[in-house]
Amino acid sequence: MQMGNLTEKELTALEDQLGSEQTLVANYRALAEMCSDGQIRQSFLSYADQHQQHFNTLMNFLK
């Protein structure tokens, strides 16, 4: 599916989801920085990476 095929409603939903993914990435990275337990820190960083991948995948729909 290319951007020209998206309805206004779909584009708005995609933009909202992109914003949510960006927020999750930032929050998980911030939590990782505050965490003193290495294992939990790695989990937060892993979650951040997963949401960054989600963001990147969604961005591909806009290209």
C-alpha atoms as a PDB file:
ATOM      1  CA  MET A   1       0.000   0.000   0.000  1.00  0.00           C
ATOM      2  CA  GLN A   2       1.357   3.411  -0.918  1.00  0.00           C
ATOM      3  CA  MET A   3       0.553   6.768   0.606  1.00  0.00           C
ATOM      4  CA  GLY A   4      -1.713   7.692  -2.312  1.00  0.00           C
ATOM      5  CA  ASN A   5      -3.947   4.756  -1.425  1.00  0.00           C
ATOM      6  CA  LEU A   6      -4.482   5.806   2.200  1.00  0.00           C
ATOM      7  CA  THR A   7      -7.687   7.501   3.241  1.00  0.00           C
ATOM      8  CA  GLU A   8      -7.531  10.592   5.443  1.00  0.00           C
ATOM      9  CA  LYS A   9      -8.712   8.480   8.382  1.00  0.00           C
ATOM     10  CA  GLU A  10      -5.997   5.869   7.777  1.00  0.00           C
ATOM     11  CA  LEU A  11      -3.327   8.550   7.446  1.00  0.00           C
ATOM     12  CA  THR A  12      -4.439  10.160  10.709  1.00  0.00           C
ATOM     13  CA  ALA A  13      -4.373   6.780  12.481  1.00  0.00           C
ATOM     14  CA  LEU A  14      -0.908   6.086  11.086  1.00  0.00           C
ATOM     15  CA  GLU A  15       0.364   9.469  12.261  1.00  0.00           C
ATOM     16  CA  ASP A  16      -1.114   8.862  15.722  1.00  0.00           C
ATOM     17  CA  GLN A  17       0.550   5.459  15.926  1.00  0.00           C
ATOM     18  CA  LEU A  18       3.883   6.912  14.832  1.00  0.00           C
ATOM     19  CA  GLY A  19       3.653   9.442  17.647  1.00  0.00           C
ATOM     20  CA  SER A  20       2.808   6.699  20.126  1.00  0.00           C
ATOM     21  CA  GLU A  21       5.765   4.603  19.001  1.00  0.00           C
ATOM     22  CA  GLN A  22       8.116   7.593  19.344  1.00  0.00           C
ATOM     23  CA  THR A  23       6.832   8.210  22.863  1.00  0.00           C
ATOM     24  CA  LEU A  24       7.324   4.568  23.833  1.00  0.00           C
ATOM     25  CA  VAL A  25      10.885   4.547  22.488  1.00  0.00           C
ATOM     26  CA  ALA A  26      11.746   7.702  24.438  1.00  0.00           C
ATOM     27  CA  ASN A  27      10.094   6.447  27.638  1.00  0.00           C
ATOM     28  CA  TYR A  28      11.773   3.035  27.573  1.00  0.00           C
ATOM     29  CA  ARG A  29      15.175   4.609  26.915  1.00  0.00           C
ATOM     30  CA  ALA A  30      14.643   7.049  29.790  1.00  0.00           C
ATOM     31  CA  LEU A  31      13.656   4.193  32.101  1.00  0.00           C
ATOM     32  CA  ALA A  32      16.749   2.251  31.046  1.00  0.00           C
ATOM     33  CA  GLU A  33      18.940   5.235  31.944  1.00  0.00           C
ATOM     34  CA  MET A  34      17.415   5.421  35.422  1.00  0.00           C
ATOM     35  CA  CYS A  35      17.678   1.695  36.080  1.00  0.00           C
ATOM     36  CA  SER A  36      20.552   0.347  38.155  1.00  0.00           C
ATOM     37  CA  ASP A  37      19.698  -3.333  37.560  1.00  0.00           C
ATOM     38  CA  GLY A  38      21.504  -4.408  34.382  1.00  0.00           C
ATOM     39  CA  GLN A  39      19.003  -7.093  33.442  1.00  0.00           C
ATOM     40  CA  ILE A  40      16.015  -4.774  33.762  1.00  0.00           C
ATOM     41  CA  ARG A  41      17.951  -2.048  31.923  1.00  0.00           C
ATOM     42  CA  GLN A  42      18.515  -4.464  29.023  1.00  0.00           C
ATOM     43  CA  SER A  43      14.813  -5.319  28.974  1.00  0.00           C
ATOM     44  CA  PHE A  44      13.893  -1.635  28.692  1.00  0.00           C
ATOM     45  CA  LEU A  45      16.426  -1.156  25.888  1.00  0.00           C
ATOM     46  CA  SER A  46      15.031  -4.210  24.112  1.00  0.00           C
ATOM     47  CA  TYR A  47      11.505  -2.793  24.373  1.00  0.00           C
ATOM     48  CA  ALA A  48      12.773   0.527  23.007  1.00  0.00           C
ATOM     49  CA  ASP A  49      14.375  -1.284  20.060  1.00  0.00           C
ATOM     50  CA  GLN A  50      11.153  -3.181  19.333  1.00  0.00           C
ATOM     51  CA  HIS A  51       9.137   0.024  19.260  1.00  0.00           C
ATOM     52  CA  GLN A  52      11.771   1.695  17.087  1.00  0.00           C
ATOM     53  CA  GLN A  53      11.320  -1.173  14.632  1.00  0.00           C
ATOM     54  CA  HIS A  54       7.546  -0.654  14.744  1.00  0.00           C
ATOM     55  CA  PHE A  55       8.089   3.047  14.034  1.00  0.00           C
ATOM     56  CA  ASN A  56      10.405   2.264  11.111  1.00  0.00           C
ATOM     57  CA  THR A  57       7.929  -0.228   9.652  1.00  0.00           C
ATOM     58  CA  LEU A  58       5.095   2.300   9.851  1.00  0.00           C
ATOM     59  CA  MET A  59       7.282   4.977   8.255  1.00  0.00           C
ATOM     60  CA  ASN A  60       7.780   2.690   5.267  1.00  0.00           C
ATOM     61  CA  PHE A  61       4.069   3.061   4.514  1.00  0.00           C
ATOM     62  CA  LEU A  62       4.650   6.791   4.014  1.00  0.00           C
ATOM     63  CA  LYS A  63       7.493   6.331   1.521  1.00  0.00           C
END
